[in-house]
Structures are given as structure tokens and as C-alpha cells.
């Protein structure tokens, strides 16, 4: 990678990596929250099922 002799990364590279990692974590959290919200909305819609049998005339 070019850093074989230097075991420490430069400060600006560390900040870039940290920003990418934190952005990725934030994106994962937002995605999971959105998925949870969609699932809860879907489950709420499923609980409102109100089917009634057809009234048969004789």
C-alpha cells in the first residue's frame, strides 16, 4: 500500500477513514429505522383485517 516502513497513518487519512466509517454507521442506522417503520406500518395494516362471510339468500 505504500506505508510499509511507516506504521502510522497520516492524520488526514485517519480523519477520512473515520468520516467514512461514521457515515456508513449512520446510513445503516437510518436504513434499519426506516425498515422498522415500514414493517410496523405494514403490521398495523394487517391487523385491520375485517372480512365478513357473504350473506347467502335461501
Protein backbone atom coordinates (compact mmCIF):
# COMPACT_ATOMS: atom_id res chain seq x y z
CA UNK A 1 0.00 0.00 0.00
CA UNK A 2 2.96 2.31 0.28
CA UNK A 3 3.10 2.56 4.07
CA UNK A 4 5.31 -0.47 4.72
CA UNK A 5 8.01 1.47 6.54
CA UNK A 6 5.59 3.86 8.23
CA UNK A 7 3.29 2.01 10.63
CA UNK A 8 1.23 5.11 11.45
CA UNK A 9 -1.24 6.63 9.01
CA UNK A 10 -1.18 10.36 8.40
CA UNK A 11 -3.71 12.38 10.36
CA UNK A 12 -5.71 13.47 7.31
CA UNK A 13 -6.07 9.84 6.18
CA UNK A 14 -7.26 8.87 9.66
CA UNK A 15 -9.88 11.61 9.53
CA UNK A 16 -11.06 10.49 6.10
CA UNK A 17 -11.39 6.88 7.24
CA UNK A 18 -13.17 7.97 10.42
CA UNK A 19 -15.62 10.10 8.42
CA UNK A 20 -16.36 7.21 6.05
CA UNK A 21 -16.91 4.77 8.91
CA UNK A 22 -19.18 7.15 10.81
CA UNK A 23 -21.15 7.95 7.65
CA UNK A 24 -21.57 4.23 7.00
CA UNK A 25 -22.75 3.60 10.55
CA UNK A 26 -25.22 6.49 10.32
CA UNK A 27 -26.54 5.21 6.99
CA UNK A 28 -27.01 1.72 8.45
CA UNK A 29 -28.92 3.14 11.41
CA UNK A 30 -31.18 5.22 9.17
CA UNK A 31 -31.83 2.24 6.92
CA UNK A 32 -32.74 -0.02 9.85
CA UNK A 33 -35.01 2.65 11.35
CA UNK A 34 -36.76 3.10 8.00
CA UNK A 35 -37.16 -0.66 7.63
CA UNK A 36 -38.61 -0.91 11.14
CA UNK A 37 -41.05 1.91 10.38
CA UNK A 38 -42.15 0.20 7.15
CA UNK A 39 -42.59 -3.12 8.95
CA UNK A 40 -44.63 -1.56 11.75
CA UNK A 41 -46.81 0.25 9.23
CA UNK A 42 -47.38 -2.99 7.33
CA UNK A 43 -48.19 -4.93 10.51
CA UNK A 44 -50.65 -2.25 11.59
CA UNK A 45 -52.38 -2.54 8.23
CA UNK A 46 -52.58 -6.32 8.58
CA UNK A 47 -54.28 -6.06 11.98
CA UNK A 48 -57.21 -4.15 10.46
CA UNK A 49 -58.43 -7.16 8.50
CA UNK A 50 -62.23 -7.26 8.73
CA UNK A 51 -63.57 -9.88 6.38
CA UNK A 52 -67.17 -10.93 6.79
CA UNK A 53 -68.66 -14.00 5.16
CA UNK A 54 -71.10 -13.46 2.31
CA UNK A 55 -74.72 -13.50 3.42
CA UNK A 56 -76.43 -16.28 1.49
CA UNK A 57 -80.02 -15.94 0.49
CA UNK A 58 -82.19 -19.05 0.57
